Amino acid sequence: MATKSTKAVTAAKKKAIGPLAWGSVMTHITTQEEANARQMAVVVAEIYGVPHMCVTILGSQPYLNKEGRLFLLNELTKKNPVAKIETEYLQISTAPNITAICKKRIVFKDGMFVEGIGEANPNNIKLNAVKATLNMMAETRALNRTIWQAIGSAIWERVAKNLKKKALTNAEMTTIVAAGQSSAEEMDRPEPNIQDLTPYQKALKILEKDNRDIDTLEEWRIKIEQSDLYTKTERKELLLMIDRQMSNRIVQYE
């Protein structure tokens, strides 16, 4: 069975408040529902004690994502830090119809450890783009579940304490609790309608395929640099993505 091990996790750096991520894509607020979801995501980050970018909005429900759980793992285990994280594939997916099953083990400095299992198959993943990466999704789910095995009780104590400090409705408290009960990676992300995407999201969706040659990437660079459809931050992110892809192509040609 395939195994691998990584060194102790490093804490995510806290980031300044800015636009929140929706499925790892920066989006513009276009409806009141989206605005409400953004506001609730800010509250979720405060209640759980994580940077805002550690919360992902899927539909109108905010969830802690993998980065958020890693952040909390590092923060809450300082007295007995993580020594290593081990990965074992119980079943590797070699075809779209084969389930990927992964086991994660988090080992602490004192030798204690916790384990969790994640699985991924076309039946529990609806997003077509992710169906091609079942092994990666199984590993991510296993990691998220294992982290919660390690720190779940401490997190729920924090959440209960912080909820008392806020004037929230029962519905809002339910939303906040649900944000930690399932990770963003556990949830099905709806396939966005291409007509509903912003210019930045459309460009990102195209570039994420990472299958373009250097000449095509250079053409994209020129278009993005000359276009007024993107904000300064969006333009920077797209150009960085193009730079990374071009670097990969150069390495392949050498």
Protein backbone atom coordinates (compact mmCIF):
# COMPACT_ATOMS: atom_id res chain seq x y z
CA MET A 1 0.00 0.00 0.00
CA ALA A 2 1.29 3.41 -0.94
CA THR A 3 2.44 5.52 1.99
CA LYS A 4 4.10 8.87 2.52
CA SER A 5 4.94 11.11 5.43
CA THR A 6 5.22 14.86 5.89
CA LYS A 7 6.78 17.00 8.60
CA ALA A 8 4.80 18.98 11.14
CA VAL A 9 2.27 21.44 9.78
CA THR A 10 3.15 25.13 9.73
CA ALA A 11 0.55 27.66 10.77
CA ALA A 12 -1.19 29.65 8.08
CA LYS A 13 -0.38 33.33 8.40
CA LYS A 14 -3.26 35.59 9.28
CA LYS A 15 -4.35 37.72 6.37
CA ALA A 16 -5.91 41.14 6.23
CA ILE A 17 -9.65 41.26 5.83
CA GLY A 18 -10.61 41.23 2.18
CA PRO A 19 -12.98 39.52 -0.26
CA LEU A 20 -13.78 36.01 0.88
CA ALA A 21 -13.23 32.97 -1.28
CA TRP A 22 -16.09 31.13 -2.90
CA GLY A 23 -14.74 27.74 -3.81
CA SER A 24 -11.21 29.19 -3.86
CA VAL A 25 -12.28 31.80 -6.42
CA MET A 26 -12.53 35.49 -5.55
CA THR A 27 -15.99 36.73 -6.48
CA HIS A 28 -17.87 40.00 -6.67
CA ILE A 29 -21.05 40.36 -4.61
CA THR A 30 -24.00 40.47 -6.99
CA THR A 31 -27.02 39.57 -4.81
CA GLN A 32 -28.21 40.22 -1.29
CA GLU A 33 -28.00 36.48 -0.61
CA GLU A 34 -24.30 36.55 -1.47
CA ALA A 35 -23.79 39.60 0.71
CA ASN A 36 -25.48 37.85 3.63
CA ALA A 37 -23.35 34.75 3.09
CA ARG A 38 -20.19 36.89 3.12
CA GLN A 39 -21.24 38.53 6.37
CA MET A 40 -21.95 35.15 7.95
CA ALA A 41 -18.58 33.83 6.75
CA VAL A 42 -16.89 36.69 8.61
CA VAL A 43 -18.77 35.72 11.77
CA VAL A 44 -17.81 32.05 11.28
CA ALA A 45 -14.13 33.03 11.04
CA GLU A 46 -14.43 35.02 14.26
CA ILE A 47 -16.26 32.28 16.15
CA TYR A 48 -13.79 29.55 15.14
CA GLY A 49 -10.78 31.85 15.44
CA VAL A 50 -9.34 31.50 11.94
CA PRO A 51 -8.29 33.95 9.19
CA HIS A 52 -11.15 34.84 6.87
CA MET A 53 -9.59 33.00 3.94
CA CYS A 54 -9.96 29.78 5.93
CA VAL A 55 -13.71 29.90 5.30
CA THR A 56 -15.19 28.84 1.95
CA ILE A 57 -18.75 29.68 0.89
CA LEU A 58 -20.61 26.97 -1.03
CA GLY A 59 -24.05 28.10 -2.07
CA SER A 60 -25.06 30.28 0.87
CA GLN A 61 -23.40 28.10 3.55
CA PRO A 62 -19.90 28.90 4.86
CA TYR A 63 -17.59 25.99 5.72
CA LEU A 64 -14.15 25.69 7.24
CA ASN A 65 -11.79 24.56 4.50
CA LYS A 66 -8.61 22.46 4.72
CA GLU A 67 -6.43 25.51 5.39
CA GLY A 68 -8.71 26.47 8.27
CA ARG A 69 -8.42 23.06 9.87
CA LEU A 70 -4.65 23.02 9.49
CA PHE A 71 -4.51 26.48 11.06
CA LEU A 72 -6.53 25.27 14.05
CA LEU A 73 -4.49 22.07 14.33
CA ASN A 74 -1.28 24.06 14.64
CA GLU A 75 -2.79 26.59 17.04
CA LEU A 76 -4.36 24.08 19.41
CA THR A 77 -1.48 21.61 19.63
CA LYS A 78 1.37 23.94 20.58
CA LYS A 79 1.99 22.14 23.88
CA ASN A 80 2.20 18.81 22.07
CA PRO A 81 2.94 19.76 18.45
CA VAL A 82 2.51 17.63 15.38
CA ALA A 83 5.64 15.61 14.60
CA LYS A 84 4.50 14.23 11.27
CA ILE A 85 1.47 13.44 9.15
CA GLU A 86 1.47 10.02 7.49
CA THR A 87 -0.54 9.05 4.43
CA GLU A 88 -1.53 5.52 3.43
CA TYR A 89 -3.65 4.72 0.40
CA LEU A 90 -5.83 1.73 1.20
CA GLN A 91 -7.10 1.76 -2.36
CA ILE A 92 -5.78 3.87 -5.23
CA SER A 93 -8.20 4.95 -7.90
CA THR A 94 -6.81 3.99 -11.31
CA ALA A 95 -10.04 4.66 -13.21
CA PRO A 96 -13.03 6.99 -12.76
CA ASN A 97 -15.23 4.12 -11.50
CA ILE A 98 -12.76 2.94 -8.82
CA THR A 99 -13.14 4.40 -5.34
CA ALA A 100 -10.09 6.05 -3.78
CA ILE A 101 -9.62 5.28 -0.08
CA CYS A 102 -6.97 7.05 1.97
CA LYS A 103 -5.93 6.87 5.63
CA LYS A 104 -4.21 9.74 7.42
CA ARG A 105 -2.33 9.50 10.69
CA ILE A 106 -1.32 12.57 12.66
CA VAL A 107 1.53 11.75 15.04
CA PHE A 108 2.30 14.12 17.89
CA LYS A 109 5.60 14.84 19.60
CA ASP A 110 4.76 12.59 22.56
CA GLY A 111 4.08 9.63 20.26
CA MET A 112 0.28 9.75 20.50
CA PHE A 113 -1.58 9.66 17.19
CA VAL A 114 -5.04 9.90 15.63
CA GLU A 115 -6.27 8.42 12.37
CA GLY A 116 -9.00 9.12 9.87
CA ILE A 117 -10.16 7.65 6.56
CA GLY A 118 -11.42 9.49 3.50
CA GLU A 119 -12.97 8.10 0.36
CA ALA A 120 -13.91 9.57 -2.99
CA ASN A 121 -15.81 8.21 -5.97
CA PRO A 122 -18.09 9.61 -8.68
CA ASN A 123 -21.13 8.94 -6.48
CA ASN A 124 -20.01 11.29 -3.69
CA ILE A 125 -18.43 13.95 -5.90
CA LYS A 126 -20.63 15.85 -8.32
CA LEU A 127 -18.13 18.38 -9.61
CA ASN A 128 -16.81 16.99 -12.90
CA ALA A 129 -13.44 18.70 -12.59
CA VAL A 130 -12.76 16.87 -9.30
CA LYS A 131 -13.78 13.43 -10.53
CA ALA A 132 -10.43 13.18 -12.29
CA THR A 133 -8.59 13.66 -8.99
CA LEU A 134 -10.27 11.09 -6.75
CA ASN A 135 -7.04 10.14 -4.94
CA MET A 136 -6.34 13.76 -4.04
CA MET A 137 -9.90 14.30 -2.80
CA ALA A 138 -9.79 11.12 -0.70
CA GLU A 139 -6.53 12.31 0.88
CA THR A 140 -7.96 15.77 1.61
CA ARG A 141 -11.08 14.30 3.20
CA ALA A 142 -9.00 11.91 5.29
CA LEU A 143 -6.83 14.80 6.51
CA ASN A 144 -9.82 16.96 7.42
CA ARG A 145 -11.46 14.15 9.37
CA THR A 146 -8.24 13.24 11.17
CA ILE A 147 -7.67 16.84 12.22
CA TRP A 148 -11.15 16.95 13.70
CA GLN A 149 -10.46 13.73 15.59
CA ALA A 150 -7.50 15.52 17.18
CA ILE A 151 -9.00 18.92 18.01
CA GLY A 152 -12.76 18.64 17.59
CA SER A 153 -13.59 18.78 21.30
CA ALA A 154 -11.39 21.85 21.84
CA ILE A 155 -12.96 23.58 18.85
CA TRP A 156 -16.53 22.96 20.02
CA GLU A 157 -15.63 24.38 23.43
CA ARG A 158 -14.34 27.52 21.72
CA VAL A 159 -17.39 27.77 19.48
CA ALA A 160 -19.80 27.41 22.42
CA LYS A 161 -17.92 30.06 24.38
CA ASN A 162 -17.78 32.54 21.49
CA LEU A 163 -21.43 32.02 20.53
CA LYS A 164 -22.44 33.32 23.94
CA LYS A 165 -20.69 36.61 23.16
CA LYS A 166 -22.75 37.21 20.00
CA ALA A 167 -26.37 38.25 19.62
CA LEU A 168 -27.38 35.63 17.07
CA THR A 169 -30.62 34.01 15.97
CA ASN A 170 -31.10 30.26 16.22
CA ALA A 171 -30.79 30.00 12.44
CA GLU A 172 -27.49 31.87 12.47
CA MET A 173 -26.11 29.67 15.24
CA THR A 174 -27.14 26.58 13.27
CA THR A 175 -25.27 27.90 10.23
CA ILE A 176 -22.16 28.59 12.30
CA VAL A 177 -22.13 25.12 13.85
CA ALA A 178 -22.68 23.51 10.43
CA ALA A 179 -19.59 25.32 9.16
CA GLY A 180 -17.42 23.04 11.28
CA GLN A 181 -19.42 19.83 11.15
CA SER A 182 -18.45 19.23 7.53
CA SER A 183 -15.43 20.62 5.73
CA ALA A 184 -15.71 22.54 2.46
CA GLU A 185 -13.98 19.64 0.72
CA GLU A 186 -16.68 17.25 1.95
CA MET A 187 -19.40 19.18 0.19
CA ASP A 188 -20.49 19.08 -3.42
CA ARG A 189 -19.64 22.30 -5.15
CA PRO A 190 -22.19 23.26 -7.81
CA GLU A 191 -20.96 23.59 -11.35
CA PRO A 192 -21.22 27.31 -12.13
CA ASN A 193 -23.06 28.46 -15.23
CA ILE A 194 -20.43 30.01 -17.53
CA GLN A 195 -22.81 32.90 -18.33
CA ASP A 196 -22.96 33.80 -14.63
CA LEU A 197 -19.20 34.02 -14.15
CA THR A 198 -17.29 37.29 -13.96
CA PRO A 199 -14.52 37.92 -16.55
CA TYR A 200 -11.97 36.96 -13.88
CA GLN A 201 -13.75 33.70 -13.09
CA LYS A 202 -14.02 32.83 -16.79
CA ALA A 203 -10.30 33.44 -17.30
CA LEU A 204 -9.46 31.45 -14.19
CA LYS A 205 -11.63 28.54 -15.31
CA ILE A 206 -9.81 28.44 -18.66
CA LEU A 207 -6.33 28.77 -17.19
CA GLU A 208 -6.96 26.13 -14.52
CA LYS A 209 -6.96 23.47 -17.25
CA ASP A 210 -3.18 24.01 -17.52
CA ASN A 211 -2.93 22.48 -21.00
CA ARG A 212 -1.78 25.42 -23.12
CA ASP A 213 1.53 25.86 -24.90
CA ILE A 214 3.90 28.76 -24.26
CA ASP A 215 2.73 30.78 -27.28
CA THR A 216 -0.92 30.55 -26.21
CA LEU A 217 -0.03 31.47 -22.64
CA GLU A 218 1.88 34.52 -23.90
CA GLU A 219 -1.17 35.59 -25.89
CA TRP A 220 -3.25 35.30 -22.72
CA ARG A 221 -0.69 37.36 -20.83
CA ILE A 222 -0.96 40.21 -23.35
CA LYS A 223 -4.77 40.12 -23.32
CA ILE A 224 -4.91 40.25 -19.52
CA GLU A 225 -2.33 43.02 -19.26
CA GLN A 226 -4.23 45.17 -21.75
CA SER A 227 -7.76 44.39 -20.56
CA ASP A 228 -9.72 46.68 -18.22
CA LEU A 229 -12.10 43.86 -17.22
CA TYR A 230 -10.04 42.85 -14.18
CA THR A 231 -9.20 44.51 -10.91
CA LYS A 232 -5.56 45.03 -10.01
CA THR A 233 -5.63 42.03 -7.69
CA GLU A 234 -7.38 39.81 -10.23
CA ARG A 235 -4.89 40.77 -12.94
CA LYS A 236 -1.99 39.97 -10.63
CA GLU A 237 -3.41 36.54 -9.74
CA LEU A 238 -4.02 35.62 -13.39
CA LEU A 239 -0.55 36.73 -14.45
CA LEU A 240 1.02 34.73 -11.62
CA MET A 241 -0.88 31.66 -12.77
CA ILE A 242 0.37 32.17 -16.33
CA ASP A 243 3.95 32.60 -15.05
CA ARG A 244 3.75 29.31 -13.16
CA GLN A 245 2.40 27.46 -16.17
CA MET A 246 5.03 28.93 -18.47
CA SER A 247 7.77 27.92 -16.01
CA ASN A 248 6.40 24.38 -16.03
CA ARG A 249 6.47 24.30 -19.83
CA ILE A 250 10.08 25.53 -19.92
CA VAL A 251 11.14 22.80 -17.48
CA GLN A 252 9.40 20.19 -19.62
CA TYR A 253 11.25 21.35 -22.73
CA GLU A 254 14.71 21.32 -21.08
